[in-house]
Protein backbone atom coordinates (compact mmCIF):
# COMPACT_ATOMS: atom_id res chain seq x y z
CA UNK A 1 11.64 50.34 7.07
CA UNK A 2 11.83 52.35 3.87
CA UNK A 3 14.05 50.96 1.13
CA UNK A 4 13.31 53.76 -1.32
CA UNK A 5 12.82 57.12 0.36
CA UNK A 6 12.19 58.96 -2.90
CA UNK A 7 9.17 56.81 -3.78
CA UNK A 8 8.16 55.74 -0.29
CA UNK A 9 8.63 52.02 -0.95
CA UNK A 10 8.95 49.92 2.19
CA UNK A 11 10.91 46.70 2.65
CA UNK A 12 7.75 44.59 2.83
CA UNK A 13 6.57 46.09 -0.46
CA UNK A 14 9.88 45.28 -2.14
CA UNK A 15 9.72 41.72 -0.80
CA UNK A 16 6.13 41.38 -2.03
CA UNK A 17 7.14 42.50 -5.53
CA UNK A 18 10.02 40.02 -5.51
CA UNK A 19 7.67 37.24 -4.37
CA UNK A 20 5.42 38.13 -7.30
CA UNK A 21 8.29 37.67 -9.73
CA UNK A 22 10.30 40.91 -9.83
CA UNK A 23 13.89 39.96 -10.64
CA UNK A 24 15.36 43.43 -11.16
CA UNK A 25 14.99 46.73 -9.33
CA UNK A 26 13.27 48.22 -12.39
CA UNK A 27 10.55 45.58 -12.03
CA UNK A 28 10.10 46.48 -8.35
CA UNK A 29 9.63 50.13 -9.33
CA UNK A 30 7.25 49.17 -12.13
CA UNK A 31 5.18 47.11 -9.67
CA UNK A 32 4.71 50.29 -7.65
CA UNK A 33 4.05 52.55 -10.63
CA UNK A 34 7.23 54.58 -10.28
CA UNK A 35 10.88 54.68 -11.29
CA UNK A 36 14.22 55.20 -9.61
CA UNK A 37 14.94 58.79 -8.63
CA UNK A 38 18.30 59.01 -6.86
CA UNK A 39 18.96 55.22 -7.20
CA UNK A 40 20.52 54.88 -3.73
CA UNK A 41 18.08 52.03 -3.05
CA UNK A 42 18.98 49.98 -6.12
CA UNK A 43 21.87 48.16 -4.41
CA UNK A 44 19.62 47.26 -1.48
CA UNK A 45 16.95 45.96 -3.85
CA UNK A 46 19.52 43.89 -5.74
CA UNK A 47 20.66 42.41 -2.44
CA UNK A 48 17.10 41.50 -1.50
CA UNK A 49 16.57 39.87 -4.90
CA UNK A 50 19.78 37.86 -4.51
CA UNK A 51 18.75 36.84 -1.01
CA UNK A 52 15.44 35.54 -2.36
CA UNK A 53 17.20 33.62 -5.15
CA UNK A 54 19.53 31.96 -2.64
CA UNK A 55 16.60 31.04 -0.42
CA UNK A 56 14.77 29.48 -3.35
CA UNK A 57 17.87 27.56 -4.43
CA UNK A 58 18.33 26.19 -0.91
CA UNK A 59 14.68 25.18 -0.74
CA UNK A 60 14.96 23.34 -4.07
CA UNK A 61 18.14 21.64 -2.95
CA UNK A 62 16.57 20.39 0.26
CA UNK A 63 13.39 19.33 -1.53
CA UNK A 64 15.45 17.24 -3.96
CA UNK A 65 17.20 15.39 -1.12
């Protein structure tokens, strides 16, 4: 599924950039050598970043128990 239609960035590519340390949509764009065009995808990217942060926090919590 495409997250960013303007730049042709797919969900798996966004998730890969996040896994490699992208913590803001601008960093996801930078990882793909582009920048936001219409910015409709920025909210989706922020949601994916938050989702990853929550997953990491849960994993740390369970690892500490």
